[in-house]
C-alpha cells in the first residue's frame, strides 16, 4: 500500500521488532485462522463455541502484543 517493497520501510524500529518475532506471529496467525473457522462453525453446540472463544481471543491478544497495538 505504501509503494515500498520492504515491510515497514518507514518504521525501522517496528520492522526490527517484527523480523525478530515473525516466525511466532506466522504460527499464531495460522492457528488463529483455524480457531476462527471452528468458532464460526454452525455445527457446534453453543457451549463448545464458547469454549473455543478463549483461545481465539488469546491469539488476537498475542498478535496485538507483538505488533505493539495494545491499549
PDB file of N, CA and C in Angstrom:
ATOM      1  N   UNK A   1       0.808  -1.186   0.000  1.00  0.00           N
ATOM      2  CA  UNK A   1       0.000   0.000   0.000  1.00  0.00           C
ATOM      3  C   UNK A   1       0.857   1.258   0.000  1.00  0.00           C
ATOM      4  N   UNK A   2       2.013   1.185   0.625  1.00  0.00           N
ATOM      5  CA  UNK A   2       2.861   2.371   0.702  1.00  0.00           C
ATOM      6  C   UNK A   2       3.737   2.526  -0.535  1.00  0.00           C
ATOM      7  N   UNK A   3       3.784   1.498  -1.371  1.00  0.00           N
ATOM      8  CA  UNK A   3       4.627   1.536  -2.554  1.00  0.00           C
ATOM      9  C   UNK A   3       6.026   0.990  -2.302  1.00  0.00           C
ATOM     10  N   UNK A   4       6.343   0.702  -1.071  1.00  0.00           N
ATOM     11  CA  UNK A   4       7.654   0.170  -0.722  1.00  0.00           C
ATOM     12  C   UNK A   4       7.660  -1.345  -0.868  1.00  0.00           C
ATOM     13  N   UNK A   5       8.803  -1.882  -1.238  1.00  0.00           N
ATOM     14  CA  UNK A   5       8.930  -3.337  -1.360  1.00  0.00           C
ATOM     15  C   UNK A   5       9.321  -3.968  -0.023  1.00  0.00           C
ATOM     16  N   UNK A   6       9.703  -3.180   0.926  1.00  0.00           N
ATOM     17  CA  UNK A   6      10.163  -3.680   2.217  1.00  0.00           C
ATOM     18  C   UNK A   6       9.096  -3.439   3.279  1.00  0.00           C
ATOM     19  N   UNK A   7       8.888  -4.455   4.120  1.00  0.00           N
ATOM     20  CA  UNK A   7       7.925  -4.355   5.201  1.00  0.00           C
ATOM     21  C   UNK A   7       8.327  -3.250   6.174  1.00  0.00           C
ATOM     22  N   UNK A   8       7.435  -2.351   6.452  1.00  0.00           N
ATOM     23  CA  UNK A   8       7.633  -1.268   7.427  1.00  0.00           C
ATOM     24  C   UNK A   8       8.853  -0.405   7.100  1.00  0.00           C
ATOM     25  N   UNK A   9       9.058  -0.094   5.856  1.00  0.00           N
ATOM     26  CA  UNK A   9      10.238   0.664   5.437  1.00  0.00           C
ATOM     27  C   UNK A   9      10.333   2.013   6.154  1.00  0.00           C
ATOM     28  N   UNK A  10       9.205   2.618   6.422  1.00  0.00           N
ATOM     29  CA  UNK A  10       9.211   3.934   7.075  1.00  0.00           C
ATOM     30  C   UNK A  10       9.364   3.839   8.589  1.00  0.00           C
ATOM     31  N   UNK A  11       9.272   2.631   9.134  1.00  0.00           N
ATOM     32  CA  UNK A  11       9.305   2.453  10.582  1.00  0.00           C
ATOM     33  C   UNK A  11      10.346   1.396  10.953  1.00  0.00           C
ATOM     34  N   UNK A  12      11.624   1.770  10.997  1.00  0.00           N
ATOM     35  CA  UNK A  12      12.688   0.780  11.202  1.00  0.00           C
ATOM     36  C   UNK A  12      12.598   0.041  12.541  1.00  0.00           C
ATOM     37  N   UNK A  13      12.196   0.723  13.606  1.00  0.00           N
ATOM     38  CA  UNK A  13      12.085   0.033  14.905  1.00  0.00           C
ATOM     39  C   UNK A  13      11.010  -1.042  14.864  1.00  0.00           C
ATOM     40  N   UNK A  14       9.858  -0.740  14.267  1.00  0.00           N
ATOM     41  CA  UNK A  14       8.790  -1.722  14.128  1.00  0.00           C
ATOM     42  C   UNK A  14       9.245  -2.874  13.234  1.00  0.00           C
ATOM     43  N   UNK A  15       9.968  -2.554  12.164  1.00  0.00           N
ATOM     44  CA  UNK A  15      10.466  -3.586  11.249  1.00  0.00           C
ATOM     45  C   UNK A  15      11.389  -4.558  11.983  1.00  0.00           C
ATOM     46  N   UNK A  16      12.307  -4.035  12.793  1.00  0.00           N
ATOM     47  CA  UNK A  16      13.228  -4.908  13.541  1.00  0.00           C
ATOM     48  C   UNK A  16      12.463  -5.786  14.525  1.00  0.00           C
ATOM     49  N   UNK A  17      11.474  -5.209  15.204  1.00  0.00           N
ATOM     50  CA  UNK A  17      10.673  -5.975  16.163  1.00  0.00           C
ATOM     51  C   UNK A  17       9.913  -7.091  15.453  1.00  0.00           C
ATOM     52  N   UNK A  18       9.324  -6.780  14.313  1.00  0.00           N
ATOM     53  CA  UNK A  18       8.570  -7.785  13.569  1.00  0.00           C
ATOM     54  C   UNK A  18       9.472  -8.882  13.020  1.00  0.00           C
ATOM     55  N   UNK A  19      10.638  -8.511  12.529  1.00  0.00           N
ATOM     56  CA  UNK A  19      11.550  -9.506  11.966  1.00  0.00           C
ATOM     57  C   UNK A  19      11.996 -10.511  13.022  1.00  0.00           C
ATOM     58  N   UNK A  20      12.195 -10.045  14.249  1.00  0.00           N
ATOM     59  CA  UNK A  20      12.606 -10.952  15.333  1.00  0.00           C
ATOM     60  C   UNK A  20      11.492 -11.923  15.699  1.00  0.00           C
ATOM     61  N   UNK A  21      10.258 -11.510  15.527  1.00  0.00           N
ATOM     62  CA  UNK A  21       9.124 -12.307  16.005  1.00  0.00           C
ATOM     63  C   UNK A  21       8.265 -12.887  14.895  1.00  0.00           C
ATOM     64  N   UNK A  22       8.674 -12.729  13.658  1.00  0.00           N
ATOM     65  CA  UNK A  22       7.839 -13.111  12.525  1.00  0.00           C
ATOM     66  C   UNK A  22       7.467 -14.594  12.518  1.00  0.00           C
ATOM     67  N   UNK A  23       8.388 -15.475  12.867  1.00  0.00           N
ATOM     68  CA  UNK A  23       8.087 -16.913  12.861  1.00  0.00           C
ATOM     69  C   UNK A  23       6.965 -17.236  13.849  1.00  0.00           C
ATOM     70  N   UNK A  24       7.024 -16.624  15.024  1.00  0.00           N
ATOM     71  CA  UNK A  24       5.984 -16.860  16.027  1.00  0.00           C
ATOM     72  C   UNK A  24       4.660 -16.278  15.566  1.00  0.00           C
ATOM     73  N   UNK A  25       4.691 -15.073  15.025  1.00  0.00           N
ATOM     74  CA  UNK A  25       3.460 -14.431  14.554  1.00  0.00           C
ATOM     75  C   UNK A  25       2.831 -15.250  13.433  1.00  0.00           C
ATOM     76  N   UNK A  26       3.634 -15.798  12.558  1.00  0.00           N
ATOM     77  CA  UNK A  26       3.104 -16.643  11.482  1.00  0.00           C
ATOM     78  C   UNK A  26       2.385 -17.860  12.047  1.00  0.00           C
ATOM     79  N   UNK A  27       3.002 -18.518  13.014  1.00  0.00           N
ATOM     80  CA  UNK A  27       2.381 -19.700  13.620  1.00  0.00           C
ATOM     81  C   UNK A  27       1.067 -19.339  14.302  1.00  0.00           C
ATOM     82  N   UNK A  28       1.072 -18.258  15.052  1.00  0.00           N
ATOM     83  CA  UNK A  28      -0.148 -17.827  15.742  1.00  0.00           C
ATOM     84  C   UNK A  28      -1.212 -17.431  14.726  1.00  0.00           C
ATOM     85  N   UNK A  29      -0.803 -16.787  13.646  1.00  0.00           N
ATOM     86  CA  UNK A  29      -1.756 -16.394  12.609  1.00  0.00           C
ATOM     87  C   UNK A  29      -2.441 -17.589  11.966  1.00  0.00           C
ATOM     88  N   UNK A  30      -1.674 -18.624  11.659  1.00  0.00           N
ATOM     89  CA  UNK A  30      -2.271 -19.833  11.082  1.00  0.00           C
ATOM     90  C   UNK A  30      -3.229 -20.495  12.070  1.00  0.00           C
ATOM     91  N   UNK A  31      -2.811 -20.535  13.327  1.00  0.00           N
ATOM     92  CA  UNK A  31      -3.676 -21.115  14.362  1.00  0.00           C
ATOM     93  C   UNK A  31      -4.945 -20.275  14.527  1.00  0.00           C
ATOM     94  N   UNK A  32      -4.794 -18.966  14.426  1.00  0.00           N
ATOM     95  CA  UNK A  32      -5.948 -18.074  14.559  1.00  0.00           C
ATOM     96  C   UNK A  32      -6.971 -18.314  13.449  1.00  0.00           C
ATOM     97  N   UNK A  33      -6.512 -18.537  12.246  1.00  0.00           N
ATOM     98  CA  UNK A  33      -7.424 -18.839  11.135  1.00  0.00           C
ATOM     99  C   UNK A  33      -8.199 -20.113  11.432  1.00  0.00           C
ATOM    100  N   UNK A  34      -7.508 -21.128  11.929  1.00  0.00           N
ATOM    101  CA  UNK A  34      -8.178 -22.379  12.285  1.00  0.00           C
ATOM    102  C   UNK A  34      -9.205 -22.156  13.394  1.00  0.00           C
ATOM    103  N   UNK A  35      -8.828 -21.377  14.400  1.00  0.00           N
ATOM    104  CA  UNK A  35      -9.736 -21.105  15.515  1.00  0.00           C
ATOM    105  C   UNK A  35     -10.970 -20.327  15.067  1.00  0.00           C
ATOM    106  N   UNK A  36     -10.786 -19.387  14.161  1.00  0.00           N
ATOM    107  CA  UNK A  36     -11.932 -18.618  13.649  1.00  0.00           C
ATOM    108  C   UNK A  36     -12.888 -19.535  12.905  1.00  0.00           C
ATOM    109  N   UNK A  37     -12.336 -20.422  12.077  1.00  0.00           N
ATOM    110  CA  UNK A  37     -13.195 -21.363  11.349  1.00  0.00           C
ATOM    111  C   UNK A  37     -13.982 -22.239  12.314  1.00  0.00           C
ATOM    112  N   UNK A  38     -13.310 -22.726  13.343  1.00  0.00           N
ATOM    113  CA  UNK A  38     -14.001 -23.559  14.332  1.00  0.00           C
ATOM    114  C   UNK A  38     -15.072 -22.766  15.064  1.00  0.00           C
ATOM    115  N   UNK A  39     -14.740 -21.544  15.442  1.00  0.00           N
ATOM    116  CA  UNK A  39     -15.689 -20.727  16.195  1.00  0.00           C
ATOM    117  C   UNK A  39     -16.930 -20.409  15.366  1.00  0.00           C
ATOM    118  N   UNK A  40     -16.739 -20.157  14.096  1.00  0.00           N
ATOM    119  CA  UNK A  40     -17.863 -19.804  13.222  1.00  0.00           C
ATOM    120  C   UNK A  40     -18.677 -21.014  12.764  1.00  0.00           C
ATOM    121  N   UNK A  41     -18.196 -22.198  13.051  1.00  0.00           N
ATOM    122  CA  UNK A  41     -18.888 -23.405  12.617  1.00  0.00           C
ATOM    123  C   UNK A  41     -20.272 -23.479  13.253  1.00  0.00           C
ATOM    124  N   UNK A  42     -21.286 -23.547  12.404  1.00  0.00           N
ATOM    125  CA  UNK A  42     -22.669 -23.606  12.891  1.00  0.00           C
ATOM    126  C   UNK A  42     -23.012 -24.987  13.427  1.00  0.00           C
ATOM    127  N   UNK A  43     -22.207 -25.979  13.108  1.00  0.00           N
ATOM    128  CA  UNK A  43     -22.500 -27.352  13.512  1.00  0.00           C
ATOM    129  C   UNK A  43     -22.210 -27.598  14.993  1.00  0.00           C
ATOM    130  N   UNK A  44     -21.482 -26.710  15.632  1.00  0.00           N
ATOM    131  CA  UNK A  44     -21.110 -26.915  17.027  1.00  0.00           C
ATOM    132  C   UNK A  44     -22.184 -26.374  17.968  1.00  0.00           C
ATOM    133  N   UNK A  45     -22.369 -27.053  19.092  1.00  0.00           N
ATOM    134  CA  UNK A  45     -23.272 -26.517  20.114  1.00  0.00           C
ATOM    135  C   UNK A  45     -22.698 -25.224  20.712  1.00  0.00           C
ATOM    136  N   UNK A  46     -23.559 -24.413  21.253  1.00  0.00           N
ATOM    137  CA  UNK A  46     -23.154 -23.114  21.810  1.00  0.00           C
ATOM    138  C   UNK A  46     -22.084 -23.258  22.895  1.00  0.00           C
ATOM    139  N   UNK A  47     -22.189 -24.277  23.723  1.00  0.00           N
ATOM    140  CA  UNK A  47     -21.211 -24.473  24.798  1.00  0.00           C
ATOM    141  C   UNK A  47     -19.801 -24.694  24.239  1.00  0.00           C
ATOM    142  N   UNK A  48     -19.684 -25.469  23.182  1.00  0.00           N
ATOM    143  CA  UNK A  48     -18.371 -25.694  22.561  1.00  0.00           C
ATOM    144  C   UNK A  48     -17.845 -24.425  21.912  1.00  0.00           C
ATOM    145  N   UNK A  49     -18.733 -23.663  21.302  1.00  0.00           N
ATOM    146  CA  UNK A  49     -18.300 -22.402  20.684  1.00  0.00           C
ATOM    147  C   UNK A  49     -17.758 -21.452  21.743  1.00  0.00           C
ATOM    148  N   UNK A  50     -18.418 -21.395  22.900  1.00  0.00           N
ATOM    149  CA  UNK A  50     -17.929 -20.533  23.983  1.00  0.00           C
ATOM    150  C   UNK A  50     -16.566 -21.004  24.471  1.00  0.00           C
ATOM    151  N   UNK A  51     -16.364 -22.302  24.520  1.00  0.00           N
ATOM    152  CA  UNK A  51     -15.074 -22.855  24.938  1.00  0.00           C
ATOM    153  C   UNK A  51     -13.980 -22.496  23.927  1.00  0.00           C
ATOM    154  N   UNK A  52     -14.319 -22.432  22.657  1.00  0.00           N
ATOM    155  CA  UNK A  52     -13.353 -22.065  21.610  1.00  0.00           C
ATOM    156  C   UNK A  52     -13.007 -20.580  21.628  1.00  0.00           C
ATOM    157  N   UNK A  53     -13.827 -19.780  22.279  1.00  0.00           N
ATOM    158  CA  UNK A  53     -13.624 -18.333  22.258  1.00  0.00           C
ATOM    159  C   UNK A  53     -12.351 -17.910  22.995  1.00  0.00           C
ATOM    160  N   UNK A  54     -12.032 -18.530  24.110  1.00  0.00           N
ATOM    161  CA  UNK A  54     -10.863 -18.127  24.900  1.00  0.00           C
ATOM    162  C   UNK A  54      -9.563 -18.267  24.099  1.00  0.00           C
ATOM    163  N   UNK A  55      -9.277 -19.423  23.481  1.00  0.00           N
ATOM    164  CA  UNK A  55      -8.047 -19.499  22.680  1.00  0.00           C
ATOM    165  C   UNK A  55      -8.036 -18.501  21.516  1.00  0.00           C
ATOM    166  N   UNK A  56      -9.196 -18.252  20.927  1.00  0.00           N
ATOM    167  CA  UNK A  56      -9.270 -17.284  19.831  1.00  0.00           C
ATOM    168  C   UNK A  56      -8.909 -15.888  20.328  1.00  0.00           C
ATOM    169  N   UNK A  57      -9.478 -15.476  21.442  1.00  0.00           N
ATOM    170  CA  UNK A  57      -9.168 -14.155  21.997  1.00  0.00           C
ATOM    171  C   UNK A  57      -7.704 -14.057  22.419  1.00  0.00           C
ATOM    172  N   UNK A  58      -7.146 -15.136  22.946  1.00  0.00           N
ATOM    173  CA  UNK A  58      -5.728 -15.135  23.309  1.00  0.00           C
ATOM    174  C   UNK A  58      -4.838 -14.984  22.078  1.00  0.00           C
ATOM    175  N   UNK A  59      -5.225 -15.604  20.968  1.00  0.00           N
ATOM    176  CA  UNK A  59      -4.430 -15.465  19.743  1.00  0.00           C
ATOM    177  C   UNK A  59      -4.479 -14.028  19.232  1.00  0.00           C
ATOM    178  N   UNK A  60      -5.638 -13.391  19.339  1.00  0.00           N
ATOM    179  CA  UNK A  60      -5.765 -11.983  18.936  1.00  0.00           C
ATOM    180  C   UNK A  60      -4.877 -11.117  19.821  1.00  0.00           C
ATOM    181  N   UNK A  61      -4.903 -11.368  21.121  1.00  0.00           N
ATOM    182  CA  UNK A  61      -4.081 -10.610  22.057  1.00  0.00           C
ATOM    183  C   UNK A  61      -2.594 -10.825  21.794  1.00  0.00           C
ATOM    184  N   UNK A  62      -2.216 -12.045  21.460  1.00  0.00           N
ATOM    185  CA  UNK A  62      -0.816 -12.363  21.171  1.00  0.00           C
ATOM    186  C   UNK A  62      -0.301 -11.545  19.988  1.00  0.00           C
ATOM    187  N   UNK A  63      -1.053 -11.540  18.910  1.00  0.00           N
ATOM    188  CA  UNK A  63      -0.623 -10.798  17.722  1.00  0.00           C
ATOM    189  C   UNK A  63      -0.617  -9.298  17.993  1.00  0.00           C
ATOM    190  N   UNK A  64      -1.623  -8.802  18.699  1.00  0.00           N
ATOM    191  CA  UNK A  64      -1.661  -7.377  19.031  1.00  0.00           C
ATOM    192  C   UNK A  64      -0.456  -6.986  19.885  1.00  0.00           C
ATOM    193  N   UNK A  65      -0.068  -7.844  20.810  1.00  0.00           N
ATOM    194  CA  UNK A  65       1.086  -7.557  21.667  1.00  0.00           C
ATOM    195  C   UNK A  65       2.380  -7.508  20.869  1.00  0.00           C
ATOM    196  N   UNK A  66       2.538  -8.444  19.953  1.00  0.00           N
ATOM    197  CA  UNK A  66       3.743  -8.463  19.113  1.00  0.00           C
ATOM    198  C   UNK A  66       3.838  -7.187  18.285  1.00  0.00           C
ATOM    199  N   UNK A  67       2.706  -6.748  17.759  1.00  0.00           N
ATOM    200  CA  UNK A  67       2.702  -5.551  16.927  1.00  0.00           C
ATOM    201  C   UNK A  67       2.748  -4.267  17.750  1.00  0.00           C
ATOM    202  N   UNK A  68       2.543  -4.386  19.062  1.00  0.00           N
ATOM    203  CA  UNK A  68       2.551  -3.207  19.917  1.00  0.00           C
ATOM    204  C   UNK A  68       1.252  -2.432  19.852  1.00  0.00           C
ATOM    205  N   UNK A  69       0.176  -3.101  19.482  1.00  0.00           N
ATOM    206  CA  UNK A  69      -1.119  -2.440  19.330  1.00  0.00           C
ATOM    207  C   UNK A  69      -2.047  -2.765  20.481  1.00  0.00           C
ATOM    208  N   UNK A  70      -1.562  -2.637  21.704  1.00  0.00           N
ATOM    209  CA  UNK A  70      -2.413  -2.893  22.858  1.00  0.00           C
ATOM    210  C   UNK A  70      -2.707  -1.568  23.543  1.00  0.00           C
ATOM    211  N   UNK A  71      -3.810  -1.531  24.230  1.00  0.00           N
ATOM    212  CA  UNK A  71      -4.300  -0.282  24.766  1.00  0.00           C
ATOM    213  C   UNK A  71      -3.798   0.095  26.092  1.00  0.00           C
TER     214      UNK A  71
END
